[in-house]
């Protein structure tokens, strides 16, 4: 993790000025960050969190943090409109991670998205696993081949995608069996959080809610496993329509 951390007030400020991609900035609870740093973070839409000084020192592996560390991102995020336009242009699909907080799951899903020919990922700025070394490793590097965008509001972003001509499918219990769905493109698949599933506000925006048929006594799947099954169905549908590139 240390390779993805920078610390000290001036290094963090310079990283912000240079446009370095960041997941978030942590400020020690007993410290006050420079106004310039806070203004730059706000301007770039980078989350700033207050945390115990001990946590900063553990992450940076040093006590010389000056009360400020930045968690860098190994990837560069793109504006959501760019993700939408790319998806529309290719009549393809992307996946929405609705507040999925386990980096192993995020990495596994990213791997499935890339394997089955997806354009990228849309993730929320808050309450979501950062793109960190765990995600990179569990994706087997697939994360570097995807277009990834962050949004302050999934539901608002999906409304814009729909206005541009996109379709929204959410994977959730109680929906139509995914094996019977005639997908429309361009489109996206929404995968819900490990505990709560797809958010109510996102379900309200969705065009179709789809479900995976199950016969066993256990009536749920890990979100990364469910996502892989869902994306396999999308891939098969695209192949039947002659849209698949793989």
C-alpha atoms as a PDB file:
ATOM      1  CA  UNK A   1       0.000   0.000   0.000  1.00  0.00           C
ATOM      2  CA  UNK A   2       2.884   2.352   0.722  1.00  0.00           C
ATOM      3  CA  UNK A   3       3.545   2.946  -2.974  1.00  0.00           C
ATOM      4  CA  UNK A   4       0.079   4.523  -3.214  1.00  0.00           C
ATOM      5  CA  UNK A   5       0.575   6.944  -0.321  1.00  0.00           C
ATOM      6  CA  UNK A   6       2.203  10.364  -0.206  1.00  0.00           C
ATOM      7  CA  UNK A   7       2.494  12.425   2.941  1.00  0.00           C
ATOM      8  CA  UNK A   8       3.396  15.926   4.051  1.00  0.00           C
ATOM      9  CA  UNK A   9       1.623  19.185   3.325  1.00  0.00           C
ATOM     10  CA  UNK A  10       3.707  20.435   0.417  1.00  0.00           C
ATOM     11  CA  UNK A  11       3.927  17.060  -1.408  1.00  0.00           C
ATOM     12  CA  UNK A  12       0.139  16.649  -1.205  1.00  0.00           C
ATOM     13  CA  UNK A  13      -0.434  20.213  -2.404  1.00  0.00           C
ATOM     14  CA  UNK A  14       1.943  19.726  -5.336  1.00  0.00           C
ATOM     15  CA  UNK A  15       0.252  16.426  -6.220  1.00  0.00           C
ATOM     16  CA  UNK A  16      -3.100  18.227  -6.278  1.00  0.00           C
ATOM     17  CA  UNK A  17      -1.709  21.010  -8.471  1.00  0.00           C
ATOM     18  CA  UNK A  18      -0.219  18.480 -10.893  1.00  0.00           C
ATOM     19  CA  UNK A  19      -3.543  16.698 -11.335  1.00  0.00           C
ATOM     20  CA  UNK A  20      -2.423  13.434  -9.722  1.00  0.00           C
ATOM     21  CA  UNK A  21      -5.349  11.024  -9.433  1.00  0.00           C
ATOM     22  CA  UNK A  22      -6.338  10.486  -5.800  1.00  0.00           C
ATOM     23  CA  UNK A  23      -8.843   8.375  -3.918  1.00  0.00           C
ATOM     24  CA  UNK A  24      -8.962  10.670  -0.881  1.00  0.00           C
ATOM     25  CA  UNK A  25      -6.963  12.827   1.523  1.00  0.00           C
ATOM     26  CA  UNK A  26      -6.724  12.079   5.224  1.00  0.00           C
ATOM     27  CA  UNK A  27      -6.161  14.825   7.793  1.00  0.00           C
ATOM     28  CA  UNK A  28      -5.081  13.955  11.329  1.00  0.00           C
ATOM     29  CA  UNK A  29      -7.776  14.735  13.903  1.00  0.00           C
ATOM     30  CA  UNK A  30      -5.351  16.908  15.889  1.00  0.00           C
ATOM     31  CA  UNK A  31      -4.058  18.825  12.869  1.00  0.00           C
ATOM     32  CA  UNK A  32      -5.309  21.637  10.656  1.00  0.00           C
ATOM     33  CA  UNK A  33      -4.767  21.366   6.919  1.00  0.00           C
ATOM     34  CA  UNK A  34      -3.604  24.416   4.932  1.00  0.00           C
ATOM     35  CA  UNK A  35      -6.424  26.349   3.270  1.00  0.00           C
ATOM     36  CA  UNK A  36      -4.694  25.961  -0.107  1.00  0.00           C
ATOM     37  CA  UNK A  37      -4.820  22.188   0.226  1.00  0.00           C
ATOM     38  CA  UNK A  38      -8.499  22.163   1.177  1.00  0.00           C
ATOM     39  CA  UNK A  39      -9.393  24.577  -1.630  1.00  0.00           C
ATOM     40  CA  UNK A  40      -7.555  22.475  -4.219  1.00  0.00           C
ATOM     41  CA  UNK A  41      -9.196  19.272  -3.002  1.00  0.00           C
ATOM     42  CA  UNK A  42     -12.641  20.886  -3.186  1.00  0.00           C
ATOM     43  CA  UNK A  43     -11.928  22.237  -6.657  1.00  0.00           C
ATOM     44  CA  UNK A  44     -10.971  18.762  -7.894  1.00  0.00           C
ATOM     45  CA  UNK A  45     -13.789  16.980  -6.064  1.00  0.00           C
ATOM     46  CA  UNK A  46     -11.436  14.894  -3.923  1.00  0.00           C
ATOM     47  CA  UNK A  47     -12.825  13.665  -0.627  1.00  0.00           C
ATOM     48  CA  UNK A  48     -11.141  14.908   2.569  1.00  0.00           C
ATOM     49  CA  UNK A  49     -11.543  12.840   5.734  1.00  0.00           C
ATOM     50  CA  UNK A  50     -10.555  13.396   9.358  1.00  0.00           C
ATOM     51  CA  UNK A  51      -8.822  10.357  10.867  1.00  0.00           C
ATOM     52  CA  UNK A  52      -6.735   9.448  13.929  1.00  0.00           C
ATOM     53  CA  UNK A  53      -3.086  10.466  13.533  1.00  0.00           C
ATOM     54  CA  UNK A  54      -2.090   6.863  14.285  1.00  0.00           C
ATOM     55  CA  UNK A  55      -3.980   5.675  11.195  1.00  0.00           C
ATOM     56  CA  UNK A  56      -2.121   8.165   8.992  1.00  0.00           C
ATOM     57  CA  UNK A  57       1.221   7.073  10.407  1.00  0.00           C
ATOM     58  CA  UNK A  58       0.390   3.401   9.885  1.00  0.00           C
ATOM     59  CA  UNK A  59      -0.639   3.970   6.267  1.00  0.00           C
ATOM     60  CA  UNK A  60       2.425   6.087   5.499  1.00  0.00           C
ATOM     61  CA  UNK A  61       4.769   3.934   7.600  1.00  0.00           C
ATOM     62  CA  UNK A  62       6.262   7.074   9.120  1.00  0.00           C
ATOM     63  CA  UNK A  63       5.558   9.568  11.895  1.00  0.00           C
ATOM     64  CA  UNK A  64       6.590  12.476   9.660  1.00  0.00           C
ATOM     65  CA  UNK A  65       3.239  12.941   7.931  1.00  0.00           C
ATOM     66  CA  UNK A  66       2.666  16.534   9.134  1.00  0.00           C
ATOM     67  CA  UNK A  67      -0.890  15.390   9.730  1.00  0.00           C
ATOM     68  CA  UNK A  68      -1.675  14.982   6.012  1.00  0.00           C
ATOM     69  CA  UNK A  69      -1.583  11.992   3.671  1.00  0.00           C
ATOM     70  CA  UNK A  70      -3.071  11.373   0.255  1.00  0.00           C
ATOM     71  CA  UNK A  71      -4.133   7.962  -0.973  1.00  0.00           C
ATOM     72  CA  UNK A  72      -3.291   7.899  -4.656  1.00  0.00           C
ATOM     73  CA  UNK A  73      -5.194   6.017  -7.289  1.00  0.00           C
ATOM     74  CA  UNK A  74      -3.389   3.645  -9.651  1.00  0.00           C
ATOM     75  CA  UNK A  75      -5.806   4.656 -12.405  1.00  0.00           C
ATOM     76  CA  UNK A  76      -6.999   7.928 -13.904  1.00  0.00           C
ATOM     77  CA  UNK A  77     -10.713   8.601 -13.663  1.00  0.00           C
ATOM     78  CA  UNK A  78     -12.653  10.011 -16.591  1.00  0.00           C
ATOM     79  CA  UNK A  79     -15.778  12.206 -16.567  1.00  0.00           C
ATOM     80  CA  UNK A  80     -18.990  10.175 -16.507  1.00  0.00           C
ATOM     81  CA  UNK A  81     -20.139  11.780 -19.755  1.00  0.00           C
ATOM     82  CA  UNK A  82     -17.073  10.329 -21.462  1.00  0.00           C
ATOM     83  CA  UNK A  83     -17.951   6.856 -20.198  1.00  0.00           C
ATOM     84  CA  UNK A  84     -21.520   7.289 -21.418  1.00  0.00           C
ATOM     85  CA  UNK A  85     -20.475   8.547 -24.860  1.00  0.00           C
ATOM     86  CA  UNK A  86     -18.031   5.676 -25.328  1.00  0.00           C
ATOM     87  CA  UNK A  87     -20.716   3.157 -24.370  1.00  0.00           C
ATOM     88  CA  UNK A  88     -23.231   4.735 -26.740  1.00  0.00           C
ATOM     89  CA  UNK A  89     -20.716   4.917 -29.561  1.00  0.00           C
ATOM     90  CA  UNK A  90     -19.918   1.202 -29.273  1.00  0.00           C
ATOM     91  CA  UNK A  91     -23.473   0.109 -28.427  1.00  0.00           C
ATOM     92  CA  UNK A  92     -21.897  -1.598 -25.456  1.00  0.00           C
ATOM     93  CA  UNK A  93     -22.330  -1.731 -21.697  1.00  0.00           C
ATOM     94  CA  UNK A  94     -20.725  -0.624 -18.464  1.00  0.00           C
ATOM     95  CA  UNK A  95     -21.281  -1.730 -14.878  1.00  0.00           C
ATOM     96  CA  UNK A  96     -22.404   0.421 -11.960  1.00  0.00           C
ATOM     97  CA  UNK A  97     -21.086  -0.491  -8.510  1.00  0.00           C
ATOM     98  CA  UNK A  98     -23.779   0.728  -6.129  1.00  0.00           C
ATOM     99  CA  UNK A  99     -21.745   1.304  -2.933  1.00  0.00           C
ATOM    100  CA  UNK A 100     -19.757  -1.939  -3.030  1.00  0.00           C
ATOM    101  CA  UNK A 101     -17.187  -1.610  -0.255  1.00  0.00           C
ATOM    102  CA  UNK A 102     -15.158  -4.828  -0.470  1.00  0.00           C
ATOM    103  CA  UNK A 103     -12.074  -4.251  -2.673  1.00  0.00           C
ATOM    104  CA  UNK A 104     -11.863  -7.976  -3.477  1.00  0.00           C
ATOM    105  CA  UNK A 105     -15.355  -7.832  -4.924  1.00  0.00           C
ATOM    106  CA  UNK A 106     -14.596  -4.653  -6.851  1.00  0.00           C
ATOM    107  CA  UNK A 107     -11.504  -6.248  -8.373  1.00  0.00           C
ATOM    108  CA  UNK A 108     -13.311  -9.480  -9.257  1.00  0.00           C
ATOM    109  CA  UNK A 109     -16.158  -7.559 -10.889  1.00  0.00           C
ATOM    110  CA  UNK A 110     -13.699  -5.414 -12.858  1.00  0.00           C
ATOM    111  CA  UNK A 111     -12.079  -8.598 -14.149  1.00  0.00           C
ATOM    112  CA  UNK A 112     -15.451  -9.952 -15.317  1.00  0.00           C
ATOM    113  CA  UNK A 113     -16.357  -6.644 -16.973  1.00  0.00           C
ATOM    114  CA  UNK A 114     -13.126  -6.675 -18.970  1.00  0.00           C
ATOM    115  CA  UNK A 115     -13.318 -10.380 -19.846  1.00  0.00           C
ATOM    116  CA  UNK A 116     -16.855 -10.050 -21.211  1.00  0.00           C
ATOM    117  CA  UNK A 117     -16.132  -6.917 -23.221  1.00  0.00           C
ATOM    118  CA  UNK A 118     -17.552  -4.148 -21.004  1.00  0.00           C
ATOM    119  CA  UNK A 119     -16.540  -0.517 -21.445  1.00  0.00           C
ATOM    120  CA  UNK A 120     -15.912   0.304 -17.807  1.00  0.00           C
ATOM    121  CA  UNK A 121     -17.231   1.055 -14.328  1.00  0.00           C
ATOM    122  CA  UNK A 122     -19.251   3.827 -12.731  1.00  0.00           C
ATOM    123  CA  UNK A 123     -18.694   4.091  -8.981  1.00  0.00           C
ATOM    124  CA  UNK A 124     -19.923   6.522  -6.311  1.00  0.00           C
ATOM    125  CA  UNK A 125     -17.532   8.975  -4.700  1.00  0.00           C
ATOM    126  CA  UNK A 126     -18.651   7.983  -1.197  1.00  0.00           C
ATOM    127  CA  UNK A 127     -19.187   4.646   0.549  1.00  0.00           C
ATOM    128  CA  UNK A 128     -17.299   2.658  -2.053  1.00  0.00           C
ATOM    129  CA  UNK A 129     -14.041   0.708  -2.011  1.00  0.00           C
ATOM    130  CA  UNK A 130     -11.131   2.786  -3.312  1.00  0.00           C
ATOM    131  CA  UNK A 131      -9.233   1.574  -6.345  1.00  0.00           C
ATOM    132  CA  UNK A 132      -6.214   0.346  -4.404  1.00  0.00           C
ATOM    133  CA  UNK A 133      -3.567  -2.413  -4.719  1.00  0.00           C
ATOM    134  CA  UNK A 134      -6.071  -5.033  -3.501  1.00  0.00           C
ATOM    135  CA  UNK A 135      -8.447  -4.105  -6.325  1.00  0.00           C
ATOM    136  CA  UNK A 136      -5.614  -4.138  -8.852  1.00  0.00           C
ATOM    137  CA  UNK A 137      -4.460  -7.578  -7.733  1.00  0.00           C
ATOM    138  CA  UNK A 138      -7.906  -9.175  -7.539  1.00  0.00           C
ATOM    139  CA  UNK A 139      -8.714  -7.817 -11.006  1.00  0.00           C
ATOM    140  CA  UNK A 140      -5.511  -9.399 -12.374  1.00  0.00           C
ATOM    141  CA  UNK A 141      -4.726  -6.006 -13.890  1.00  0.00           C
ATOM    142  CA  UNK A 142      -8.036  -5.819 -15.780  1.00  0.00           C
ATOM    143  CA  UNK A 143      -8.775  -2.513 -14.039  1.00  0.00           C
ATOM    144  CA  UNK A 144      -6.152  -0.836 -16.273  1.00  0.00           C
ATOM    145  CA  UNK A 145      -8.123  -1.753 -19.410  1.00  0.00           C
ATOM    146  CA  UNK A 146     -11.403  -0.188 -18.307  1.00  0.00           C
ATOM    147  CA  UNK A 147     -12.856   3.318 -18.415  1.00  0.00           C
ATOM    148  CA  UNK A 148     -13.659   4.251 -14.816  1.00  0.00           C
ATOM    149  CA  UNK A 149     -15.686   7.205 -13.609  1.00  0.00           C
ATOM    150  CA  UNK A 150     -16.754   8.476 -10.190  1.00  0.00           C
ATOM    151  CA  UNK A 151     -20.051  10.218  -9.554  1.00  0.00           C
ATOM    152  CA  UNK A 152     -21.501  12.093  -6.567  1.00  0.00           C
ATOM    153  CA  UNK A 153     -24.953  10.626  -7.343  1.00  0.00           C
ATOM    154  CA  UNK A 154     -25.560   7.323  -9.124  1.00  0.00           C
ATOM    155  CA  UNK A 155     -29.252   7.980  -9.697  1.00  0.00           C
ATOM    156  CA  UNK A 156     -28.653  11.414 -11.236  1.00  0.00           C
ATOM    157  CA  UNK A 157     -25.860  10.046 -13.410  1.00  0.00           C
ATOM    158  CA  UNK A 158     -28.072   7.225 -14.679  1.00  0.00           C
ATOM    159  CA  UNK A 159     -30.854   9.685 -15.494  1.00  0.00           C
ATOM    160  CA  UNK A 160     -28.359  11.548 -17.697  1.00  0.00           C
ATOM    161  CA  UNK A 161     -27.303   8.281 -19.335  1.00  0.00           C
ATOM    162  CA  UNK A 162     -30.940   7.484 -20.078  1.00  0.00           C
ATOM    163  CA  UNK A 163     -31.451  10.978 -21.530  1.00  0.00           C
ATOM    164  CA  UNK A 164     -28.540  10.230 -23.872  1.00  0.00           C
ATOM    165  CA  UNK A 165     -30.271   7.051 -25.059  1.00  0.00           C
ATOM    166  CA  UNK A 166     -29.015   4.449 -22.605  1.00  0.00           C
ATOM    167  CA  UNK A 167     -30.862   1.667 -20.821  1.00  0.00           C
ATOM    168  CA  UNK A 168     -30.486   0.783 -17.139  1.00  0.00           C
ATOM    169  CA  UNK A 169     -30.760  -2.797 -15.835  1.00  0.00           C
ATOM    170  CA  UNK A 170     -30.448  -3.526 -12.122  1.00  0.00           C
ATOM    171  CA  UNK A 171     -29.588  -6.968 -10.745  1.00  0.00           C
ATOM    172  CA  UNK A 172     -31.829  -7.550  -7.732  1.00  0.00           C
ATOM    173  CA  UNK A 173     -34.145 -10.166  -6.244  1.00  0.00           C
ATOM    174  CA  UNK A 174     -37.722 -10.185  -7.460  1.00  0.00           C
ATOM    175  CA  UNK A 175     -36.953  -9.102 -11.010  1.00  0.00           C
ATOM    176  CA  UNK A 176     -37.405 -10.797 -14.370  1.00  0.00           C
ATOM    177  CA  UNK A 177     -35.270 -13.884 -14.954  1.00  0.00           C
ATOM    178  CA  UNK A 178     -32.105 -12.729 -16.647  1.00  0.00           C
ATOM    179  CA  UNK A 179     -32.110 -15.700 -19.041  1.00  0.00           C
ATOM    180  CA  UNK A 180     -35.275 -14.323 -20.656  1.00  0.00           C
ATOM    181  CA  UNK A 181     -34.141 -10.705 -21.041  1.00  0.00           C
ATOM    182  CA  UNK A 182     -33.765  -9.184 -24.491  1.00  0.00           C
ATOM    183  CA  UNK A 183     -31.221  -6.506 -23.605  1.00  0.00           C
ATOM    184  CA  UNK A 184     -31.274  -3.146 -25.357  1.00  0.00           C
ATOM    185  CA  UNK A 185     -28.056  -1.252 -26.098  1.00  0.00           C
ATOM    186  CA  UNK A 186     -26.296   0.930 -25.094  1.00  0.00           C
ATOM    187  CA  UNK A 187     -26.891  -0.146 -21.516  1.00  0.00           C
ATOM    188  CA  UNK A 188     -25.523  -0.581 -18.038  1.00  0.00           C
ATOM    189  CA  UNK A 189     -25.891  -3.192 -15.319  1.00  0.00           C
ATOM    190  CA  UNK A 190     -26.219  -2.050 -11.707  1.00  0.00           C
ATOM    191  CA  UNK A 191     -24.796  -4.318  -9.008  1.00  0.00           C
ATOM    192  CA  UNK A 192     -25.853  -3.537  -5.446  1.00  0.00           C
ATOM    193  CA  UNK A 193     -23.872  -3.474  -2.223  1.00  0.00           C
ATOM    194  CA  UNK A 194     -23.048  -6.645  -0.340  1.00  0.00           C
ATOM    195  CA  UNK A 195     -25.571  -5.988   2.415  1.00  0.00           C
ATOM    196  CA  UNK A 196     -28.306  -3.719   1.071  1.00  0.00           C
ATOM    197  CA  UNK A 197     -28.467  -4.536  -2.619  1.00  0.00           C
ATOM    198  CA  UNK A 198     -29.366  -1.901  -5.197  1.00  0.00           C
ATOM    199  CA  UNK A 199     -30.413   1.434  -3.703  1.00  0.00           C
ATOM    200  CA  UNK A 200     -34.093   2.350  -3.838  1.00  0.00           C
ATOM    201  CA  UNK A 201     -33.326   5.572  -5.717  1.00  0.00           C
ATOM    202  CA  UNK A 202     -31.419   3.579  -8.356  1.00  0.00           C
ATOM    203  CA  UNK A 203     -34.172   0.975  -8.683  1.00  0.00           C
ATOM    204  CA  UNK A 204     -36.603   3.812  -9.396  1.00  0.00           C
ATOM    205  CA  UNK A 205     -34.406   4.968 -12.290  1.00  0.00           C
ATOM    206  CA  UNK A 206     -33.954   1.452 -13.689  1.00  0.00           C
ATOM    207  CA  UNK A 207     -35.739   0.396 -16.863  1.00  0.00           C
ATOM    208  CA  UNK A 208     -35.688  -3.303 -15.930  1.00  0.00           C
ATOM    209  CA  UNK A 209     -34.878  -5.235 -12.750  1.00  0.00           C
ATOM    210  CA  UNK A 210     -33.345  -8.629 -13.507  1.00  0.00           C
ATOM    211  CA  UNK A 211     -32.722 -11.638 -11.274  1.00  0.00           C
ATOM    212  CA  UNK A 212     -30.671 -14.827 -11.467  1.00  0.00           C
ATOM    213  CA  UNK A 213     -32.840 -17.940 -11.089  1.00  0.00           C
ATOM    214  CA  UNK A 214     -31.758 -20.123  -8.166  1.00  0.00           C
ATOM    215  CA  UNK A 215     -32.781 -23.649  -7.123  1.00  0.00           C
ATOM    216  CA  UNK A 216     -30.706 -24.280  -3.993  1.00  0.00           C
ATOM    217  CA  UNK A 217     -31.574 -23.657  -0.375  1.00  0.00           C
ATOM    218  CA  UNK A 218     -29.164 -20.731  -0.215  1.00  0.00           C
ATOM    219  CA  UNK A 219     -30.932 -17.960  -2.088  1.00  0.00           C
ATOM    220  CA  UNK A 220     -28.143 -15.466  -2.541  1.00  0.00           C
ATOM    221  CA  UNK A 221     -24.767 -15.153  -4.256  1.00  0.00           C
ATOM    222  CA  UNK A 222     -21.679 -13.109  -3.526  1.00  0.00           C
ATOM    223  CA  UNK A 223     -21.971  -9.902  -5.573  1.00  0.00           C
ATOM    224  CA  UNK A 224     -18.890 -10.688  -7.670  1.00  0.00           C
ATOM    225  CA  UNK A 225     -20.233 -14.168  -8.508  1.00  0.00           C
ATOM    226  CA  UNK A 226     -23.673 -12.742  -9.331  1.00  0.00           C
ATOM    227  CA  UNK A 227     -22.019 -10.072 -11.465  1.00  0.00           C
ATOM    228  CA  UNK A 228     -20.041 -12.653 -13.435  1.00  0.00           C
ATOM    229  CA  UNK A 229     -23.182 -14.671 -14.162  1.00  0.00           C
ATOM    230  CA  UNK A 230     -25.047 -11.548 -15.205  1.00  0.00           C
ATOM    231  CA  UNK A 231     -22.255 -10.382 -17.498  1.00  0.00           C
ATOM    232  CA  UNK A 232     -22.024 -13.829 -19.096  1.00  0.00           C
ATOM    233  CA  UNK A 233     -25.702 -13.513 -20.032  1.00  0.00           C
ATOM    234  CA  UNK A 234     -25.038 -10.059 -21.477  1.00  0.00           C
ATOM    235  CA  UNK A 235     -22.074 -11.412 -23.433  1.00  0.00           C
ATOM    236  CA  UNK A 236     -24.139 -14.262 -24.883  1.00  0.00           C
ATOM    237  CA  UNK A 237     -26.872 -11.827 -25.887  1.00  0.00           C
ATOM    238  CA  UNK A 238     -24.366  -9.528 -27.581  1.00  0.00           C
ATOM    239  CA  UNK A 239     -22.822 -12.484 -29.408  1.00  0.00           C
ATOM    240  CA  UNK A 240     -26.236 -13.557 -30.694  1.00  0.00           C
ATOM    241  CA  UNK A 241     -26.828 -10.028 -31.951  1.00  0.00           C
ATOM    242  CA  UNK A 242     -23.407  -9.798 -33.534  1.00  0.00           C
ATOM    243  CA  UNK A 243     -22.315  -7.031 -31.167  1.00  0.00           C
ATOM    244  CA  UNK A 244     -19.641  -8.950 -29.264  1.00  0.00           C
ATOM    245  CA  UNK A 245     -16.040  -8.146 -30.147  1.00  0.00           C
ATOM    246  CA  UNK A 246     -14.582 -11.237 -28.483  1.00  0.00           C
END
